[in-house]
Structures are given as structure tokens and as C-alpha cells.
Amino acid sequence: MVTIYDIAKKTGFSVTTVSKVLNNYSDVSEKTKKAIQAAVEEMDYLPNSHARTLTTKKSWTIGVVFVESLGIGVKHPFFNAVIESFRQYVEVEGYDLLFVSRNISNQRKSYLEHFRYRGVDGVVIVCSTYEDEQVKELMNDSIPTVVIDMSSDQSSVVYSDNYEGSKLAVQHLYDLGHRRIAHIAGHESTFAGEQRKKGFLQAVKALNLGLPNEYVVNGDYFSIEGGQKAMRSLLELEERPTAVYAAGDNLALGAINEIHEHNLRVPDDLSVVGFDDIELAKYTYPALTTIRQRTDQIGEESAKLLLKQIDCKDKYIGCIQVPVELIVRKSSGPVA
């Protein structure tokens, strides 16, 4: 088994210098770093985790909390894409991820108790609802945290510009000639749902569009079923909309399914715009016009914010709002 002493002998540097490079200290020249890193790769050196923990006073582990209301966890397309980007970034820095269960030795523990027990260096929370008390406990604690997809003044947060995304969606439909534009909203307890609805209402107001109360329908927790149910109520109106902006791609897909069930066509009879740009969006029929969330950037910015806190050994309150963009496909078209 290759040791740190073997690396030092091969490169001619001291054990201390090799240790500094392996633990990402900044007071080593780039030339020295490259030489030692080349030897590490050539000799297939793997650091002993216990020794590294003793040396750096870190566990080199980051806790992960998923809170989403559909009950599908990491299978959720948005959360999955974001956490994969996060993982790739922190993995390069030497960190592992710990996905929690609230049971330790058959005793039910809170997220915070679990992470204290495991000694994690920080926690990433993927959560869009304000209602989870255990998430609030984590955010209010001194442990370094970053929250994805929610706003807070108690923790570092990273989220998409939901408000601007809604304005882009409405403006796109308006430019196609639509004046009767409805909104299938996400659940009011979610940050994304709240912000996207606000952006929709502001856009409608700015464009002087009439908005009947029944044109804003609750789509619940961003599910396909929620989109179907909401679209059904819109199709039952005496004067139905010519276009629908849904607060999530799953809602939009559900809406399209319901439109087809009524023997209507998208976009000939109704245009539909979603939000997220999940992988499935470009493969549906018709391909979905949507607002793209930059999941790679969200994951990377979240990782940077958390690692900054871990390295400084201090909780940092910061906010990064990631831009979104309109992706035009086949589900939106000129008003009939």
C-alpha cells in the first residue's frame, strides 16, 4: 500500500509539503502541486480517511437532505440534476455525500441530531417548502448549510429566478397573439410556486390583460395529475383560455394530456408553456416550450457557498439567484 512517505520519497519533497498538497493548502506553489499530484496519480495513492480526518479536523462528508412533496425523492428530475452537479463539484474537492435516514440504531432522530452524530462538515438541503420544521432547525443552527430552491435569511440559499421566468413565459405567449392566458400554479406553500405565480400576475398586469379569477388554478405539488386536474377545470370554462402557462413541466405535461383527452390539439387549439426543462420535455409530443433552469449552475454555486463556509469554519448567509431562459419548442404557437 502506497503511503504519504512513498510520495515524498519519489518527489523529493518533505512529508509536510506532500500533506499540504493532499489537503489543499494554499501556501504551496503550482509547480510543486503539479509534481506531487502527478506522483499521486502514477502511484495510485489513496489517503487513509482516518488519518486525513485527524490532520484536517474534518470528516470530509457533506450531509444531504431532500424534502419534496411527491414522495419520489432523488428520482425527482429537477432535484436529481441539481444534486448530481453538486456531487461532481464537491467530489473533486475530496468530499463524500451522506444521504440521511432519520433512524440511528433503531432510534428516530432529527436531521440535525443525525448529522451531529455523523460529524458532517456541512449540509446541503434541497427543499422548496417552508413547512418542514426539521429543515428550519437545520437552517437556524450553526452547522454550515446551503438550501437549494428556497429563500431564507437564516442560511445560504441558491434558487432560480422564478419571477423573471414567469414574465418570459407570459411575454412569449403574448407575442404569439394570445390574450386569454391562464396559469396552473404550484402549491402556495412552495417558494417556487409562490414566486412563479407572482411573476405571472405581474406580467399579466404589465401587459394590461384581463384575468378572470378562474384563470389561475392550483396545480398542487407540481405533479402530472395536478396538471391534468387543473387543465380539466380550465377546459370546462365557458370562455376557455387560448394559452396556459404551467408552473412546472410535470404540470404542463399533465395539461397536454388532458387537452388531448378532450380531442383538442396543442398548439393549434391551446398553447402550453412549462417551467424547468426536465429531460423529458424535449421528447414529449409536442415537444414542450418551457423555462429552463440551469441545474448545473445551481448545483455548482451551492457547492461553492457550502465549501466556503466549511473552509472558513463559520456559517455564512448568502443568496445566489440563477438566471433562467426561454426554450421555444412545438407546444406554443400563434393564437388561432
Protein backbone atom coordinates (compact mmCIF):
# COMPACT_ATOMS: atom_id res chain seq x y z
CA MET A 1 0.00 0.00 0.00
CA VAL A 2 1.41 3.38 -1.06
CA THR A 3 1.89 5.87 1.80
CA ILE A 4 2.48 9.59 2.03
CA TYR A 5 6.12 8.78 2.79
CA ASP A 6 6.43 6.97 -0.54
CA ILE A 7 5.09 10.07 -2.34
CA ALA A 8 7.61 12.25 -0.50
CA LYS A 9 10.49 9.93 -1.39
CA LYS A 10 9.56 9.78 -5.06
CA THR A 11 9.12 13.54 -5.48
CA GLY A 12 11.91 14.72 -3.20
CA PHE A 13 9.57 16.96 -1.21
CA SER A 14 9.07 16.77 2.53
CA VAL A 15 6.21 14.82 4.06
CA THR A 16 4.80 18.14 5.30
CA THR A 17 4.71 19.59 1.78
CA VAL A 18 3.07 16.47 0.38
CA SER A 19 0.48 16.62 3.16
CA LYS A 20 -0.28 20.26 2.38
CA VAL A 21 -0.91 19.44 -1.28
CA LEU A 22 -3.14 16.49 -0.42
CA ASN A 23 -5.19 18.71 1.91
CA ASN A 24 -5.49 21.67 -0.50
CA TYR A 25 -3.38 24.16 1.45
CA SER A 26 -2.81 27.39 -0.46
CA ASP A 27 0.82 28.08 0.57
CA VAL A 28 2.34 25.67 -1.97
CA SER A 29 3.47 26.68 -5.46
CA GLU A 30 1.59 25.44 -8.50
CA LYS A 31 4.74 23.73 -9.80
CA THR A 32 5.10 21.76 -6.57
CA LYS A 33 1.39 20.86 -6.56
CA LYS A 34 1.56 19.51 -10.09
CA ALA A 35 4.63 17.39 -9.35
CA ILE A 36 3.08 15.85 -6.24
CA GLN A 37 -0.33 15.32 -7.88
CA ALA A 38 1.36 13.59 -10.82
CA ALA A 39 3.12 11.21 -8.41
CA VAL A 40 -0.16 10.57 -6.58
CA GLU A 41 -1.84 9.53 -9.83
CA GLU A 42 1.11 7.47 -11.03
CA MET A 43 1.40 5.54 -7.75
CA ASP A 44 -2.39 5.14 -7.23
CA TYR A 45 -2.17 6.69 -3.77
CA LEU A 46 -5.37 6.63 -1.70
CA PRO A 47 -5.33 8.67 1.52
CA ASN A 48 -6.36 6.99 4.75
CA SER A 49 -9.65 8.61 5.73
CA HIS A 50 -8.99 8.40 9.48
CA ALA A 51 -5.57 9.98 9.14
CA ARG A 52 -6.96 12.73 6.94
CA THR A 53 -9.72 13.46 9.46
CA LEU A 54 -7.20 13.75 12.29
CA THR A 55 -4.95 16.02 10.25
CA THR A 56 -7.58 18.41 8.90
CA LYS A 57 -10.19 18.25 11.69
CA LYS A 58 -12.80 17.49 9.03
CA SER A 59 -14.91 14.42 8.33
CA TRP A 60 -14.84 15.16 4.58
CA THR A 61 -18.53 14.31 4.48
CA ILE A 62 -21.47 16.51 3.47
CA GLY A 63 -24.98 15.65 4.56
CA VAL A 64 -27.83 15.74 2.03
CA VAL A 65 -31.49 16.38 2.81
CA PHE A 66 -34.25 16.02 0.21
CA VAL A 67 -37.67 17.38 1.05
CA GLU A 68 -40.26 17.19 -1.71
CA SER A 69 -43.96 16.57 -1.53
CA LEU A 70 -44.46 14.00 -4.31
CA GLY A 71 -42.70 11.27 -2.35
CA ILE A 72 -40.32 10.32 -5.17
CA GLY A 73 -37.14 11.68 -3.56
CA VAL A 74 -34.00 11.64 -5.69
CA LYS A 75 -35.98 10.43 -8.70
CA HIS A 76 -37.40 13.94 -8.99
CA PRO A 77 -35.91 15.23 -12.28
CA PHE A 78 -35.00 18.73 -11.05
CA PHE A 79 -33.59 17.65 -7.69
CA ASN A 80 -31.70 14.78 -9.29
CA ALA A 81 -29.99 17.04 -11.83
CA VAL A 82 -29.06 19.65 -9.22
CA ILE A 83 -27.61 17.24 -6.68
CA GLU A 84 -25.59 15.46 -9.38
CA SER A 85 -23.98 18.76 -10.32
CA PHE A 86 -23.34 19.46 -6.62
CA ARG A 87 -21.81 16.00 -6.15
CA GLN A 88 -19.45 16.37 -9.08
CA TYR A 89 -18.11 19.67 -7.73
CA VAL A 90 -17.54 18.62 -4.09
CA GLU A 91 -16.16 15.22 -5.13
CA VAL A 92 -13.23 16.95 -6.82
CA GLU A 93 -12.52 18.68 -3.50
CA GLY A 94 -12.44 15.34 -1.71
CA TYR A 95 -15.90 15.20 -0.12
CA ASP A 96 -18.38 12.34 0.06
CA LEU A 97 -22.15 12.74 0.35
CA LEU A 98 -24.28 11.24 3.10
CA PHE A 99 -27.99 10.83 2.35
CA VAL A 100 -29.78 10.65 5.67
CA SER A 101 -32.27 8.37 7.27
CA ARG A 102 -33.85 9.61 10.47
CA ASN A 103 -33.24 6.25 12.16
CA ILE A 104 -29.97 5.63 14.01
CA SER A 105 -29.63 2.33 15.91
CA ASN A 106 -33.42 1.96 15.66
CA GLN A 107 -33.92 5.33 17.35
CA ARG A 108 -35.71 8.07 15.45
CA LYS A 109 -33.55 11.21 15.26
CA SER A 110 -33.95 14.64 13.72
CA TYR A 111 -31.86 15.64 10.71
CA LEU A 112 -29.72 17.83 12.96
CA GLU A 113 -29.19 15.07 15.53
CA HIS A 114 -28.26 12.66 12.78
CA PHE A 115 -25.72 15.00 11.22
CA ARG A 116 -24.18 15.80 14.60
CA TYR A 117 -23.92 12.06 15.27
CA ARG A 118 -22.20 11.52 11.92
CA GLY A 119 -19.98 14.60 12.29
CA VAL A 120 -20.61 16.01 8.82
CA ASP A 121 -18.78 19.18 7.82
CA GLY A 122 -21.85 20.79 6.27
CA VAL A 123 -25.32 20.12 4.89
CA VAL A 124 -26.98 20.74 1.54
CA ILE A 125 -30.78 20.94 1.71
CA VAL A 126 -32.89 20.54 -1.40
CA CYS A 127 -36.26 21.87 -0.33
CA SER A 128 -38.96 24.10 -1.79
CA THR A 129 -41.44 24.25 1.09
CA TYR A 130 -41.37 26.38 4.22
CA GLU A 131 -43.34 23.85 6.24
CA ASP A 132 -40.70 21.29 7.33
CA GLU A 133 -39.76 22.06 10.95
CA GLN A 134 -36.63 19.90 10.86
CA VAL A 135 -35.30 21.82 7.90
CA LYS A 136 -35.90 25.07 9.81
CA GLU A 137 -33.96 23.61 12.75
CA LEU A 138 -31.00 22.86 10.48
CA MET A 139 -31.09 26.30 8.88
CA ASN A 140 -31.17 28.03 12.28
CA ASP A 141 -28.27 26.00 13.65
CA SER A 142 -24.58 26.92 13.45
CA ILE A 143 -23.74 23.97 11.17
CA PRO A 144 -22.78 25.20 7.66
CA THR A 145 -25.78 24.86 5.35
CA VAL A 146 -26.91 25.80 1.88
CA VAL A 147 -30.53 25.50 0.78
CA ILE A 148 -31.50 24.92 -2.85
CA ASP A 149 -34.84 26.13 -4.22
CA MET A 150 -35.93 28.24 -1.26
CA SER A 151 -35.35 31.74 0.11
CA SER A 152 -34.19 32.36 3.69
CA ASP A 153 -32.31 34.90 5.79
CA GLN A 154 -31.08 32.13 8.11
CA SER A 155 -28.93 30.21 5.62
CA SER A 156 -27.12 30.48 2.34
CA VAL A 157 -29.57 29.87 -0.49
CA VAL A 158 -29.45 29.25 -4.24
CA TYR A 159 -32.50 29.34 -6.47
CA SER A 160 -33.64 30.13 -9.99
CA ASP A 161 -35.11 33.48 -10.98
CA ASN A 162 -38.66 32.12 -10.84
CA TYR A 163 -40.22 35.58 -11.07
CA GLU A 164 -38.41 36.54 -14.27
CA GLY A 165 -39.08 33.10 -15.75
CA SER A 166 -42.82 33.64 -15.45
CA LYS A 167 -42.54 37.00 -17.14
CA LEU A 168 -40.63 35.40 -20.03
CA ALA A 169 -43.33 32.75 -20.43
CA VAL A 170 -46.20 35.25 -20.48
CA GLN A 171 -44.39 37.62 -22.84
CA HIS A 172 -43.71 34.74 -25.23
CA LEU A 173 -47.40 33.83 -25.35
CA TYR A 174 -48.38 37.49 -25.68
CA ASP A 175 -46.01 37.90 -28.64
CA LEU A 176 -47.77 34.95 -30.30
CA GLY A 177 -51.03 36.89 -30.08
CA HIS A 178 -52.55 35.26 -27.01
CA ARG A 179 -54.63 37.47 -24.74
CA ARG A 180 -56.50 34.82 -22.73
CA ILE A 181 -53.61 33.29 -20.80
CA ALA A 182 -54.25 31.03 -17.80
CA HIS A 183 -51.85 29.83 -15.10
CA ILE A 184 -51.59 26.42 -13.45
CA ALA A 185 -49.86 27.35 -10.22
CA GLY A 186 -47.62 25.30 -7.95
CA HIS A 187 -48.64 24.80 -4.33
CA GLU A 188 -48.73 28.06 -2.38
CA SER A 189 -46.55 26.58 0.39
CA THR A 190 -43.63 26.21 -2.04
CA PHE A 191 -41.20 29.03 -2.76
CA ALA A 192 -41.13 28.26 -6.49
CA GLY A 193 -44.91 28.11 -6.75
CA GLU A 194 -45.30 31.39 -4.90
CA GLN A 195 -42.68 33.25 -6.93
CA ARG A 196 -43.83 31.92 -10.31
CA LYS A 197 -47.42 32.94 -9.56
CA LYS A 198 -46.28 36.42 -8.55
CA GLY A 199 -44.30 36.75 -11.77
CA PHE A 200 -47.31 35.62 -13.82
CA LEU A 201 -49.65 38.10 -12.15
CA GLN A 202 -47.18 40.96 -12.60
CA ALA A 203 -46.67 40.13 -16.28
CA VAL A 204 -50.40 39.99 -16.93
CA LYS A 205 -50.84 43.33 -15.19
CA ALA A 206 -47.99 44.98 -17.10
CA LEU A 207 -49.48 43.82 -20.42
CA ASN A 208 -52.97 45.04 -19.44
CA LEU A 209 -54.52 41.61 -19.94
CA GLY A 210 -57.86 40.83 -18.42
CA LEU A 211 -57.54 37.96 -15.96
CA PRO A 212 -60.68 36.18 -14.77
CA ASN A 213 -60.20 34.67 -11.31
CA GLU A 214 -60.85 31.19 -12.67
CA TYR A 215 -57.82 31.52 -15.00
CA VAL A 216 -55.47 30.88 -12.05
CA VAL A 217 -55.80 27.25 -10.96
CA ASN A 218 -53.99 25.34 -8.22
CA GLY A 219 -51.85 22.51 -9.62
CA ASP A 220 -50.91 21.22 -6.16
CA TYR A 221 -47.35 19.86 -5.77
CA PHE A 222 -46.18 20.07 -9.39
CA SER A 223 -47.45 16.61 -10.38
CA ILE A 224 -48.73 15.38 -13.75
CA GLU A 225 -52.02 14.50 -12.06
CA GLY A 226 -52.25 18.02 -10.64
CA GLY A 227 -51.75 19.44 -14.13
CA GLN A 228 -54.46 17.22 -15.58
CA LYS A 229 -56.98 18.17 -12.92
CA ALA A 230 -56.24 21.89 -13.26
CA MET A 231 -56.48 21.76 -17.05
CA ARG A 232 -59.80 19.95 -16.80
CA SER A 233 -61.28 22.85 -14.86
CA LEU A 234 -59.95 25.36 -17.41
CA LEU A 235 -61.47 23.41 -20.31
CA GLU A 236 -64.85 23.46 -18.58
CA LEU A 237 -64.98 27.27 -18.61
CA GLU A 238 -67.47 28.96 -20.90
CA GLU A 239 -64.66 31.07 -22.34
CA ARG A 240 -61.61 28.89 -22.10
CA PRO A 241 -58.07 30.31 -22.41
CA THR A 242 -56.10 30.08 -25.64
CA ALA A 243 -52.83 29.51 -23.78
CA VAL A 244 -51.70 28.04 -20.47
CA TYR A 245 -48.52 28.71 -18.54
CA ALA A 246 -47.84 25.93 -16.03
CA ALA A 247 -45.50 26.46 -13.08
CA GLY A 248 -43.68 23.18 -13.72
CA ASP A 249 -43.04 20.81 -16.61
CA ASN A 250 -44.92 17.95 -14.94
CA LEU A 251 -47.92 20.25 -14.61
CA ALA A 252 -47.57 21.19 -18.28
CA LEU A 253 -47.34 17.54 -19.36
CA GLY A 254 -50.47 16.76 -17.38
CA ALA A 255 -52.22 19.71 -19.02
CA ILE A 256 -51.26 18.49 -22.51
CA ASN A 257 -52.55 15.00 -21.70
CA GLU A 258 -55.89 16.46 -20.62
CA ILE A 259 -56.13 18.65 -23.74
CA HIS A 260 -55.59 15.57 -25.91
CA GLU A 261 -58.23 13.68 -23.90
CA HIS A 262 -60.71 16.39 -24.96
CA ASN A 263 -59.77 15.82 -28.61
CA LEU A 264 -58.08 19.20 -28.83
CA ARG A 265 -54.65 19.88 -30.29
CA VAL A 266 -51.53 21.55 -28.92
CA PRO A 267 -50.67 24.20 -30.00
CA ASP A 268 -53.43 24.58 -32.65
CA ASP A 269 -56.23 24.85 -30.08
CA LEU A 270 -54.25 25.71 -26.95
CA SER A 271 -50.62 26.64 -26.43
CA VAL A 272 -48.80 25.31 -23.36
CA VAL A 273 -45.60 26.56 -21.69
CA GLY A 274 -43.90 24.85 -18.73
CA PHE A 275 -41.09 25.62 -16.31
CA ASP A 276 -37.95 23.56 -15.52
CA ASP A 277 -36.86 21.99 -18.84
CA ILE A 278 -36.66 18.47 -17.45
CA GLU A 279 -35.05 15.88 -19.72
CA LEU A 280 -38.43 14.55 -20.85
CA ALA A 281 -39.60 17.97 -22.09
CA LYS A 282 -37.93 17.73 -25.49
CA TYR A 283 -39.21 14.20 -26.14
CA THR A 284 -42.93 14.72 -25.48
CA TYR A 285 -45.47 15.27 -28.23
CA PRO A 286 -45.44 18.05 -28.98
CA ALA A 287 -42.04 18.97 -27.57
CA LEU A 288 -42.56 21.33 -24.66
CA THR A 289 -41.82 25.05 -24.74
CA THR A 290 -40.51 25.80 -21.26
CA ILE A 291 -38.37 27.96 -18.99
CA ARG A 292 -35.01 26.28 -18.46
CA GLN A 293 -33.50 26.12 -15.00
CA ARG A 294 -29.70 25.92 -15.13
CA THR A 295 -29.34 22.91 -12.87
CA ASP A 296 -25.57 22.61 -13.43
CA GLN A 297 -25.03 26.18 -12.26
CA ILE A 298 -27.40 25.80 -9.31
CA GLY A 299 -25.50 22.72 -8.10
CA GLU A 300 -22.08 24.31 -8.60
CA GLU A 301 -22.98 27.62 -6.91
CA SER A 302 -24.49 25.70 -3.99
CA ALA A 303 -21.29 23.69 -3.61
CA LYS A 304 -19.14 26.83 -3.66
CA LEU A 305 -21.26 28.51 -0.99
CA LEU A 306 -21.13 25.49 1.30
CA LEU A 307 -17.40 24.82 0.87
CA LYS A 308 -16.70 28.48 1.63
CA GLN A 309 -18.43 28.08 4.98
CA ILE A 310 -16.68 24.80 5.74
CA ASP A 311 -13.25 26.25 4.94
CA CYS A 312 -13.89 29.40 6.98
CA LYS A 313 -15.38 27.37 9.84
CA ASP A 314 -18.18 29.90 10.05
CA LYS A 315 -21.80 29.97 8.90
CA TYR A 316 -22.29 32.38 6.02
CA ILE A 317 -25.60 33.89 4.94
CA GLY A 318 -25.62 34.47 1.21
CA CYS A 319 -28.04 34.37 -1.71
CA ILE A 320 -27.44 33.49 -5.35
CA GLN A 321 -30.25 33.83 -7.87
CA VAL A 322 -29.52 31.89 -11.05
CA PRO A 323 -30.87 33.24 -14.38
CA VAL A 324 -33.34 31.26 -16.46
CA GLU A 325 -34.03 31.17 -20.19
CA LEU A 326 -36.95 30.56 -22.51
CA ILE A 327 -36.67 27.41 -24.63
CA VAL A 328 -39.12 27.53 -27.55
CA ARG A 329 -40.32 24.20 -28.93
CA LYS A 330 -43.54 22.96 -30.53
CA SER A 331 -46.14 23.26 -27.73
CA SER A 332 -46.63 27.01 -28.23
CA GLY A 333 -47.84 28.69 -31.40
CA PRO A 334 -49.79 31.67 -32.77
CA VAL A 335 -53.30 32.17 -31.47
CA ALA A 336 -55.91 30.55 -33.72
